[in-house]
Amino acid sequence: MVGLVIVSHSAAIAEGIVELAREMGGEEVVIEAAGGLEDPPGALGTDAERVMRALDRVGSPDGTLVLMDLGSAVMSAELAVEMTDGEGRILLSGAPLVEGAVAAAAVARTGATLDEVAAEARSALRMKAEQVEGEEADGGEGDDPAPEAGEEWDAELRVTVANPLGLHGRPAARLVGTASAFGAVVSVENASRGRGPVTARSYSELMTLNLRQGDEMLVRARGAQAAEVLTALEALAADFFGDPGGGTPPAPAPTPPGVRSGPPTPGSQLQGVPAASGIAIGPSWPLSRPVPRDDDRPVESPEAERARLDAAMGSAHADLVTDRDSVAQRTGEAEAAIFDAHLLLLDDPALVDPARAAIARGNTAAGPAWRMATEAVVETYRKLEDPYLRERAVDVEDVGARVLAHLAGASSTGEEPEGIVIADELTPGQAAGLDPARVTGIATARGGATSHAAILARALAIPAVVGLGDAILAVEPGTLLVLDGDRGTVRVDPGTEAIAEENDRQARAEKQRLELRTRAAEPGRTRDGHRVEVMANLGGPREVRSAVESGAEGVGLLRTEFLFLDRDRPPGEDEQEAVYREVAEGLDGRPLVLRTLDAGADKPLPFLRQAPEDNPFLGLRGIRLSLREPDLLRAQLRAALRVAADHPLKLMFPMVATLAEYRAARALLEEEASVIGRPTGLEVGVMVEVPAVALAAERFA
């Protein structure tokens, strides 16, 4: 991979540009700064020896591109090139320093040659002129020439850019990286503004499209992997192009006609979307879930059919609770919460009311009534533009199928899956039932990396690839597969040599994992020896064991909301003490920071009445809610104090905004401690999450 060296009269400027370029190119692109003078420290100027050392640190056999600001920077760079004896060709670039570095890093990440990276850097200033002055693009110097009008393509994709800042630097860089990873020619247009087409391999040209939030982006592809690259770009768009800023997700168009893969041949590779990391090798195991039907069953009285439906829903509820408890035990509360949503669906009026209404009319049995209600809700979800919400259709199908199975008296027992499970789309219930000791991987035709089944696969450490298309469903049972959950690929019957290579790779990865797990128990230190505590955040006692095994030196935050949510009365003092003590004992002497109840806003308590607020997240929430309900806080403090008498427990108050709030909470604590005793050395603090506290930190300290 081509490396970069940034030469500037100012060390701060050079380092800032390196940081910005790494944001676009990723950590894998080697970029070094050579700015300022060493003596005196921080002085402005350029130093050929400093540039030479930067070149040696990069030392890329694929070549190094040097970008400079002005004047003596050019002479220092030229002299450094003459002095260095490192490997690889070195090229000095006259590109604009900031824009050129960003563009060069983005295209270097794709594995482009030194000349291609240099050309991209030179064209970088054009994107700014296009955006600021409205100039027309001259055409790029990328691998793929700008497509001609009327040119034929194998497939196309339309998505709406949802990122609040549009397709800015980082999203554009990720688009370039994704498009460049496939054997296809890809063009991009701003269909809303009539800009383009440009090649998807050029970061600079993409930026000239000025794709803003709400604009429709038209992507066309041709070549051997046209369908695969569009699938990958669709997944990237659904993830906001990897931009953590979020926003309303784009609405991908349906898969274009004529690009579906046929039955895979031995040695072929299918491209999907990475969903759960890891490598899996094993025989394919097609997994189907036929929905039981009892349409031929005679219709009894409305009362009898209503009773049958209620009984089936009750049984499904029990199944969901069992699955929830199993997932919580195996992975943690965060993943188990998926089934909380399923339990809510069983009581959802959109499902229950239409089914009961159909039964009440007297001519529909419970099974068909429930199925029609379920299908109507599923269809509503499928039509939503938001891809994340569309994925929730599978959750409705899962809940619906559970009830139908009980209505039809169908047995859920059967031969347990083994090897690499293949499915059209895996439901959360199916994922929860997989045994990682038997199932080595998951491959699905549809679904996304944010689906609940994918979340469970990651939690269960089962490698998974989703969105592989119909071709994966055509794989014969027992066919040997190699699944790569990091790259999103599935190789079909690849042959003995390829299997041996993958086995070796898998063994190396497992060895590294075991080494890291062993080292996880060591104290955390930076490379220069600075001590850093590695603490875990927990949502319940079931997560303690995993945290300790992963090397946590303690718990930096125990969220206590799990004890209060989804119940019609608050937990008693004894119940709280038992739970806190279970966590503390599981930590075996490691420190525990317990955060008092942080409820309100997105975490309402059913047993408390809370009036609507204009801004609930900064309104009656956290410590303010606890101070309004002092009996709740007192009970929690008493439980915590009792545990702190025997274990290294610390207390933290949430969402504190003023010193008066902290003093009021502290006063309640001292009152309770005066009655039951104050543990020696008890530490008490606040969670700094409100700007007012951060600005007044000295006063709180």
Foldseek 3Di string as FASTA:
>chain_A
DEAEEEEEQFQVVQVVLVVLLCLLQPPVHHYYYFYHDVVVPGGGDGALVSSLVSCQVNLDLLEYEYEYADDCSVVSPVVSVVPHPGHHHYYYAPAHRRQLSNQLSLLVSQVDGPVQSRQLRNCRVVLVCCVPVVDADPWGDHPDGFDDPPDDFQFKKKKFQFQQAFCDRRLLSLQLNLLSVDFKWKWKAQVQVGDGTHTSNGSRSVSSRVGHGGTMMMMTIHDDCRQQSVQVVLQCQLCSSVDPSDGFGMFMDPTGPPPFDAADDAQDKFFFAQQAADKFKFFEDEDDDDQDADQVDDADALVVLVVLLVVLLVVLLVVLVVLLVLLCLQFRNVLSCVSVVLNVLSVDCLQPVQLSVVSNVTHGGSLVSNVVSLVVVLVVQCPDRNPLSNLCSLSSVVSSSSSSCSSNVHDPDDDADAGEYEYQDDHLSNLSPHDVVGYQAYEHCADHSPHSSSVSCNSNNRTYAYNRHCNSVSQDGGWIWMAGSVRRMIRTNNDDVVVVVVVVVNVVVVVVVVVQLVCLQPFDADPVGHGDAAAAEHAFLSCLVVCVSRNHQYHPEYAPLVQFAPDQDHDFLVVLLVRVLSNQVSSVQREYEYEPHWAWDVHHGNNDDDDDDPDTVLPCTWLNVCLVVVVSLLSNLLSQQVSVQPHNYEYETENDQDPVSVVSSVVSNVVSCVPVHGHPPHHYYYDPDDVNCVVVVVVRD
